[in-house]
Amino acid sequence: MAKVAAVLPSGGRLLFTAPSQSCSWADAMTGRTSNSLGHEAYRNALEAEGTLLVGTQRDEGGNRYYFTQKT
């Protein structure tokens, strides 16, 4: 999160997807291990870098979207 926050301008927005729970899985395209920190850990990490979690949404496939904005 620190790297992303460092390049976002004030008011800049970021959208990313990750499961809301902390977990690991094999990426379907690369076979590499992917990790989710979980909703609360993402919120805390974003806020520590001056970026707010302004919303989340879940689609019909169960994917969780995180909407953020740098202060």
PDB file of N, CA and C in Angstrom:
ATOM      1  N   MET A   1       0.813  -1.187   0.000  1.00  0.00           N
ATOM      2  CA  MET A   1       0.000   0.000   0.000  1.00  0.00           C
ATOM      3  C   MET A   1       0.861   1.256   0.000  1.00  0.00           C
ATOM      4  N   ALA A   2       2.012   1.180   0.627  1.00  0.00           N
ATOM      5  CA  ALA A   2       2.894   2.352   0.675  1.00  0.00           C
ATOM      6  C   ALA A   2       3.325   2.764  -0.727  1.00  0.00           C
ATOM      7  N   LYS A   3       3.644   1.805  -1.585  1.00  0.00           N
ATOM      8  CA  LYS A   3       4.079   2.125  -2.948  1.00  0.00           C
ATOM      9  C   LYS A   3       2.952   2.767  -3.748  1.00  0.00           C
ATOM     10  N   VAL A   4       1.757   2.245  -3.598  1.00  0.00           N
ATOM     11  CA  VAL A   4       0.606   2.804  -4.316  1.00  0.00           C
ATOM     12  C   VAL A   4       0.317   4.211  -3.820  1.00  0.00           C
ATOM     13  N   ALA A   5       0.290   4.386  -2.508  1.00  0.00           N
ATOM     14  CA  ALA A   5       0.001   5.703  -1.934  1.00  0.00           C
ATOM     15  C   ALA A   5       1.046   6.731  -2.347  1.00  0.00           C
ATOM     16  N   ALA A   6       2.281   6.295  -2.516  1.00  0.00           N
ATOM     17  CA  ALA A   6       3.353   7.218  -2.877  1.00  0.00           C
ATOM     18  C   ALA A   6       3.177   7.807  -4.275  1.00  0.00           C
ATOM     19  N   VAL A   7       2.536   7.084  -5.170  1.00  0.00           N
ATOM     20  CA  VAL A   7       2.371   7.582  -6.539  1.00  0.00           C
ATOM     21  C   VAL A   7       0.997   8.199  -6.794  1.00  0.00           C
ATOM     22  N   LEU A   8       0.047   8.014  -5.887  1.00  0.00           N
ATOM     23  CA  LEU A   8      -1.270   8.634  -6.059  1.00  0.00           C
ATOM     24  C   LEU A   8      -1.205  10.105  -5.675  1.00  0.00           C
ATOM     25  N   PRO A   9      -1.717  10.979  -6.526  1.00  0.00           N
ATOM     26  CA  PRO A   9      -1.790  12.385  -6.127  1.00  0.00           C
ATOM     27  C   PRO A   9      -2.903  12.585  -5.104  1.00  0.00           C
ATOM     28  N   SER A  10      -2.886  13.690  -4.408  1.00  0.00           N
ATOM     29  CA  SER A  10      -3.964  14.011  -3.483  1.00  0.00           C
ATOM     30  C   SER A  10      -5.281  13.986  -4.242  1.00  0.00           C
ATOM     31  N   GLY A  11      -6.259  13.277  -3.717  1.00  0.00           N
ATOM     32  CA  GLY A  11      -7.546  13.125  -4.383  1.00  0.00           C
ATOM     33  C   GLY A  11      -7.572  11.969  -5.370  1.00  0.00           C
ATOM     34  N   GLY A  12      -6.400  11.351  -5.619  1.00  0.00           N
ATOM     35  CA  GLY A  12      -6.316  10.223  -6.552  1.00  0.00           C
ATOM     36  C   GLY A  12      -7.091   9.027  -6.037  1.00  0.00           C
ATOM     37  N   ARG A  13      -7.571   8.223  -6.957  1.00  0.00           N
ATOM     38  CA  ARG A  13      -8.405   7.074  -6.600  1.00  0.00           C
ATOM     39  C   ARG A  13      -7.770   5.776  -7.066  1.00  0.00           C
ATOM     40  N   LEU A  14      -8.060   4.724  -6.319  1.00  0.00           N
ATOM     41  CA  LEU A  14      -7.583   3.390  -6.641  1.00  0.00           C
ATOM     42  C   LEU A  14      -8.737   2.419  -6.475  1.00  0.00           C
ATOM     43  N   LEU A  15      -8.880   1.519  -7.417  1.00  0.00           N
ATOM     44  CA  LEU A  15      -9.856   0.441  -7.337  1.00  0.00           C
ATOM     45  C   LEU A  15      -9.074  -0.856  -7.394  1.00  0.00           C
ATOM     46  N   PHE A  16      -9.315  -1.750  -6.443  1.00  0.00           N
ATOM     47  CA  PHE A  16      -8.702  -3.073  -6.500  1.00  0.00           C
ATOM     48  C   PHE A  16      -9.693  -4.115  -6.015  1.00  0.00           C
ATOM     49  N   THR A  17      -9.427  -5.361  -6.370  1.00  0.00           N
ATOM     50  CA  THR A  17     -10.277  -6.465  -5.941  1.00  0.00           C
ATOM     51  C   THR A  17      -9.463  -7.414  -5.076  1.00  0.00           C
ATOM     52  N   ALA A  18     -10.106  -7.945  -4.069  1.00  0.00           N
ATOM     53  CA  ALA A  18      -9.505  -8.939  -3.181  1.00  0.00           C
ATOM     54  C   ALA A  18     -10.621  -9.515  -2.317  1.00  0.00           C
ATOM     55  N   PRO A  19     -10.474 -10.766  -1.887  1.00  0.00           N
ATOM     56  CA  PRO A  19     -11.468 -11.327  -0.971  1.00  0.00           C
ATOM     57  C   PRO A  19     -11.541 -10.520   0.326  1.00  0.00           C
ATOM     58  N   SER A  20     -12.712 -10.508   0.949  1.00  0.00           N
ATOM     59  CA  SER A  20     -12.870  -9.751   2.194  1.00  0.00           C
ATOM     60  C   SER A  20     -12.259 -10.473   3.389  1.00  0.00           C
ATOM     61  N   GLN A  21     -11.999 -11.759   3.251  1.00  0.00           N
ATOM     62  CA  GLN A  21     -11.371 -12.511   4.326  1.00  0.00           C
ATOM     63  C   GLN A  21      -9.877 -12.711   4.025  1.00  0.00           C
ATOM     64  N   SER A  22      -9.103 -12.930   5.048  1.00  0.00           N
ATOM     65  CA  SER A  22      -7.688 -13.229   4.888  1.00  0.00           C
ATOM     66  C   SER A  22      -7.569 -14.659   4.359  1.00  0.00           C
ATOM     67  N   CYS A  23      -6.869 -14.821   3.229  1.00  0.00           N
ATOM     68  CA  CYS A  23      -6.747 -16.155   2.638  1.00  0.00           C
ATOM     69  C   CYS A  23      -5.658 -16.181   1.573  1.00  0.00           C
ATOM     70  N   SER A  24      -5.329 -17.377   1.088  1.00  0.00           N
ATOM     71  CA  SER A  24      -4.376 -17.586  -0.002  1.00  0.00           C
ATOM     72  C   SER A  24      -4.991 -18.540  -1.014  1.00  0.00           C
ATOM     73  N   TRP A  25      -4.576 -18.406  -2.290  1.00  0.00           N
ATOM     74  CA  TRP A  25      -5.064 -19.292  -3.339  1.00  0.00           C
ATOM     75  C   TRP A  25      -4.072 -19.287  -4.497  1.00  0.00           C
ATOM     76  N   ALA A  26      -4.186 -20.299  -5.345  1.00  0.00           N
ATOM     77  CA  ALA A  26      -3.343 -20.375  -6.544  1.00  0.00           C
ATOM     78  C   ALA A  26      -4.012 -19.567  -7.644  1.00  0.00           C
ATOM     79  N   ASP A  27      -3.301 -18.577  -8.195  1.00  0.00           N
ATOM     80  CA  ASP A  27      -3.826 -17.758  -9.275  1.00  0.00           C
ATOM     81  C   ASP A  27      -4.106 -18.639 -10.489  1.00  0.00           C
ATOM     82  N   ALA A  28      -5.295 -18.518 -11.072  1.00  0.00           N
ATOM     83  CA  ALA A  28      -5.703 -19.358 -12.188  1.00  0.00           C
ATOM     84  C   ALA A  28      -4.869 -19.137 -13.446  1.00  0.00           C
ATOM     85  N   MET A  29      -4.354 -17.925 -13.641  1.00  0.00           N
ATOM     86  CA  MET A  29      -3.594 -17.637 -14.857  1.00  0.00           C
ATOM     87  C   MET A  29      -2.111 -17.964 -14.724  1.00  0.00           C
ATOM     88  N   THR A  30      -1.535 -17.720 -13.543  1.00  0.00           N
ATOM     89  CA  THR A  30      -0.092 -17.896 -13.382  1.00  0.00           C
ATOM     90  C   THR A  30       0.293 -19.114 -12.556  1.00  0.00           C
ATOM     91  N   GLY A  31      -0.641 -19.615 -11.763  1.00  0.00           N
ATOM     92  CA  GLY A  31      -0.338 -20.710 -10.856  1.00  0.00           C
ATOM     93  C   GLY A  31       0.391 -20.266  -9.597  1.00  0.00           C
ATOM     94  N   ARG A  32       0.731 -18.984  -9.528  1.00  0.00           N
ATOM     95  CA  ARG A  32       1.434 -18.453  -8.358  1.00  0.00           C
ATOM     96  C   ARG A  32       0.461 -18.227  -7.200  1.00  0.00           C
ATOM     97  N   THR A  33       0.992 -18.249  -5.995  1.00  0.00           N
ATOM     98  CA  THR A  33       0.167 -18.021  -4.815  1.00  0.00           C
ATOM     99  C   THR A  33      -0.213 -16.549  -4.711  1.00  0.00           C
ATOM    100  N   SER A  34      -1.494 -16.291  -4.518  1.00  0.00           N
ATOM    101  CA  SER A  34      -2.009 -14.948  -4.259  1.00  0.00           C
ATOM    102  C   SER A  34      -2.493 -14.908  -2.820  1.00  0.00           C
ATOM    103  N   ASN A  35      -2.427 -13.741  -2.214  1.00  0.00           N
ATOM    104  CA  ASN A  35      -2.831 -13.575  -0.818  1.00  0.00           C
ATOM    105  C   ASN A  35      -3.774 -12.394  -0.668  1.00  0.00           C
ATOM    106  N   SER A  36      -4.750 -12.538   0.193  1.00  0.00           N
ATOM    107  CA  SER A  36      -5.610 -11.432   0.587  1.00  0.00           C
ATOM    108  C   SER A  36      -5.356 -11.157   2.054  1.00  0.00           C
ATOM    109  N   LEU A  37      -5.177  -9.877   2.389  1.00  0.00           N
ATOM    110  CA  LEU A  37      -4.975  -9.489   3.781  1.00  0.00           C
ATOM    111  C   LEU A  37      -6.286  -9.487   4.561  1.00  0.00           C
ATOM    112  N   GLY A  38      -7.399  -9.339   3.870  1.00  0.00           N
ATOM    113  CA  GLY A  38      -8.699  -9.219   4.517  1.00  0.00           C
ATOM    114  C   GLY A  38      -9.113  -7.762   4.650  1.00  0.00           C
ATOM    115  N   HIS A  39     -10.402  -7.535   4.727  1.00  0.00           N
ATOM    116  CA  HIS A  39     -10.997  -6.197   4.723  1.00  0.00           C
ATOM    117  C   HIS A  39     -10.374  -5.263   5.762  1.00  0.00           C
ATOM    118  N   GLU A  40     -10.339  -5.655   7.016  1.00  0.00           N
ATOM    119  CA  GLU A  40      -9.834  -4.770   8.077  1.00  0.00           C
ATOM    120  C   GLU A  40      -8.361  -4.444   7.884  1.00  0.00           C
ATOM    121  N   ALA A  41      -7.565  -5.422   7.480  1.00  0.00           N
ATOM    122  CA  ALA A  41      -6.135  -5.174   7.262  1.00  0.00           C
ATOM    123  C   ALA A  41      -5.931  -4.201   6.108  1.00  0.00           C
ATOM    124  N   TYR A  42      -6.721  -4.335   5.041  1.00  0.00           N
ATOM    125  CA  TYR A  42      -6.617  -3.378   3.930  1.00  0.00           C
ATOM    126  C   TYR A  42      -6.999  -1.982   4.386  1.00  0.00           C
ATOM    127  N   ARG A  43      -8.083  -1.863   5.128  1.00  0.00           N
ATOM    128  CA  ARG A  43      -8.517  -0.550   5.616  1.00  0.00           C
ATOM    129  C   ARG A  43      -7.428   0.084   6.474  1.00  0.00           C
ATOM    130  N   ASN A  44      -6.864  -0.681   7.401  1.00  0.00           N
ATOM    131  CA  ASN A  44      -5.813  -0.158   8.282  1.00  0.00           C
ATOM    132  C   ASN A  44      -4.566   0.232   7.499  1.00  0.00           C
ATOM    133  N   ALA A  45      -4.151  -0.587   6.556  1.00  0.00           N
ATOM    134  CA  ALA A  45      -2.950  -0.297   5.756  1.00  0.00           C
ATOM    135  C   ALA A  45      -3.162   0.946   4.902  1.00  0.00           C
ATOM    136  N   LEU A  46      -4.336   1.086   4.310  1.00  0.00           N
ATOM    137  CA  LEU A  46      -4.635   2.257   3.494  1.00  0.00           C
ATOM    138  C   LEU A  46      -4.616   3.529   4.337  1.00  0.00           C
ATOM    139  N   GLU A  47      -5.289   3.492   5.479  1.00  0.00           N
ATOM    140  CA  GLU A  47      -5.354   4.670   6.339  1.00  0.00           C
ATOM    141  C   GLU A  47      -3.973   5.061   6.858  1.00  0.00           C
ATOM    142  N   ALA A  48      -3.115   4.088   7.123  1.00  0.00           N
ATOM    143  CA  ALA A  48      -1.757   4.376   7.585  1.00  0.00           C
ATOM    144  C   ALA A  48      -0.959   5.138   6.532  1.00  0.00           C
ATOM    145  N   GLU A  49      -1.372   5.028   5.278  1.00  0.00           N
ATOM    146  CA  GLU A  49      -0.676   5.695   4.170  1.00  0.00           C
ATOM    147  C   GLU A  49      -1.416   6.939   3.676  1.00  0.00           C
ATOM    148  N   GLY A  50      -2.433   7.388   4.436  1.00  0.00           N
ATOM    149  CA  GLY A  50      -3.174   8.590   4.052  1.00  0.00           C
ATOM    150  C   GLY A  50      -4.157   8.360   2.920  1.00  0.00           C
ATOM    151  N   THR A  51      -4.613   7.133   2.778  1.00  0.00           N
ATOM    152  CA  THR A  51      -5.578   6.779   1.739  1.00  0.00           C
ATOM    153  C   THR A  51      -6.790   6.153   2.421  1.00  0.00           C
ATOM    154  N   LEU A  52      -7.960   6.637   2.096  1.00  0.00           N
ATOM    155  CA  LEU A  52      -9.176   6.162   2.752  1.00  0.00           C
ATOM    156  C   LEU A  52      -9.885   5.099   1.925  1.00  0.00           C
ATOM    157  N   LEU A  53     -10.439   4.122   2.606  1.00  0.00           N
ATOM    158  CA  LEU A  53     -11.329   3.158   1.975  1.00  0.00           C
ATOM    159  C   LEU A  53     -12.703   3.810   1.964  1.00  0.00           C
ATOM    160  N   VAL A  54     -13.159   4.240   0.790  1.00  0.00           N
ATOM    161  CA  VAL A  54     -14.402   4.995   0.708  1.00  0.00           C
ATOM    162  C   VAL A  54     -15.606   4.118   0.383  1.00  0.00           C
ATOM    163  N   GLY A  55     -15.375   2.860   0.041  1.00  0.00           N
ATOM    164  CA  GLY A  55     -16.490   1.964  -0.210  1.00  0.00           C
ATOM    165  C   GLY A  55     -16.038   0.610  -0.703  1.00  0.00           C
ATOM    166  N   THR A  56     -16.954  -0.334  -0.613  1.00  0.00           N
ATOM    167  CA  THR A  56     -16.739  -1.666  -1.165  1.00  0.00           C
ATOM    168  C   THR A  56     -18.021  -2.102  -1.857  1.00  0.00           C
ATOM    169  N   GLN A  57     -17.867  -3.037  -2.740  1.00  0.00           N
ATOM    170  CA  GLN A  57     -19.032  -3.604  -3.420  1.00  0.00           C
ATOM    171  C   GLN A  57     -18.714  -5.046  -3.774  1.00  0.00           C
ATOM    172  N   ARG A  58     -19.713  -5.878  -3.768  1.00  0.00           N
ATOM    173  CA  ARG A  58     -19.565  -7.282  -4.132  1.00  0.00           C
ATOM    174  C   ARG A  58     -20.433  -7.547  -5.345  1.00  0.00           C
ATOM    175  N   ASP A  59     -19.865  -8.205  -6.364  1.00  0.00           N
ATOM    176  CA  ASP A  59     -20.653  -8.503  -7.552  1.00  0.00           C
ATOM    177  C   ASP A  59     -21.300  -9.885  -7.446  1.00  0.00           C
ATOM    178  N   GLU A  60     -22.071 -10.243  -8.459  1.00  0.00           N
ATOM    179  CA  GLU A  60     -22.814 -11.511  -8.436  1.00  0.00           C
ATOM    180  C   GLU A  60     -21.894 -12.728  -8.424  1.00  0.00           C
ATOM    181  N   GLY A  61     -20.652 -12.569  -8.828  1.00  0.00           N
ATOM    182  CA  GLY A  61     -19.683 -13.667  -8.796  1.00  0.00           C
ATOM    183  C   GLY A  61     -18.952 -13.790  -7.472  1.00  0.00           C
ATOM    184  N   GLY A  62     -19.259 -12.883  -6.522  1.00  0.00           N
ATOM    185  CA  GLY A  62     -18.639 -12.926  -5.210  1.00  0.00           C
ATOM    186  C   GLY A  62     -17.342 -12.149  -5.116  1.00  0.00           C
ATOM    187  N   ASN A  63     -16.975 -11.414  -6.163  1.00  0.00           N
ATOM    188  CA  ASN A  63     -15.759 -10.610  -6.133  1.00  0.00           C
ATOM    189  C   ASN A  63     -15.982  -9.347  -5.309  1.00  0.00           C
ATOM    190  N   ARG A  64     -15.028  -9.008  -4.440  1.00  0.00           N
ATOM    191  CA  ARG A  64     -15.114  -7.813  -3.599  1.00  0.00           C
ATOM    192  C   ARG A  64     -14.264  -6.705  -4.217  1.00  0.00           C
ATOM    193  N   TYR A  65     -14.864  -5.533  -4.418  1.00  0.00           N
ATOM    194  CA  TYR A  65     -14.188  -4.365  -4.976  1.00  0.00           C
ATOM    195  C   TYR A  65     -13.981  -3.358  -3.860  1.00  0.00           C
ATOM    196  N   TYR A  66     -12.785  -2.805  -3.792  1.00  0.00           N
ATOM    197  CA  TYR A  66     -12.432  -1.792  -2.803  1.00  0.00           C
ATOM    198  C   TYR A  66     -12.201  -0.468  -3.525  1.00  0.00           C
ATOM    199  N   PHE A  67     -12.909   0.572  -3.113  1.00  0.00           N
ATOM    200  CA  PHE A  67     -12.791   1.905  -3.691  1.00  0.00           C
ATOM    201  C   PHE A  67     -12.040   2.785  -2.691  1.00  0.00           C
ATOM    202  N   THR A  68     -10.938   3.362  -3.115  1.00  0.00           N
ATOM    203  CA  THR A  68     -10.119   4.159  -2.211  1.00  0.00           C
ATOM    204  C   THR A  68      -9.843   5.535  -2.790  1.00  0.00           C
ATOM    205  N   GLN A  69      -9.469   6.468  -1.909  1.00  0.00           N
ATOM    206  CA  GLN A  69      -9.099   7.814  -2.344  1.00  0.00           C
ATOM    207  C   GLN A  69      -8.043   8.366  -1.401  1.00  0.00           C
ATOM    208  N   LYS A  70      -6.987   8.940  -1.974  1.00  0.00           N
ATOM    209  CA  LYS A  70      -5.925   9.530  -1.174  1.00  0.00           C
ATOM    210  C   LYS A  70      -6.371  10.902  -0.676  1.00  0.00           C
ATOM    211  N   THR A  71      -6.100  11.171   0.577  1.00  0.00           N
ATOM    212  CA  THR A  71      -6.500  12.443   1.167  1.00  0.00           C
ATOM    213  C   THR A  71      -5.497  13.531   0.849  1.00  0.00           C
TER     214      THR A  71
END
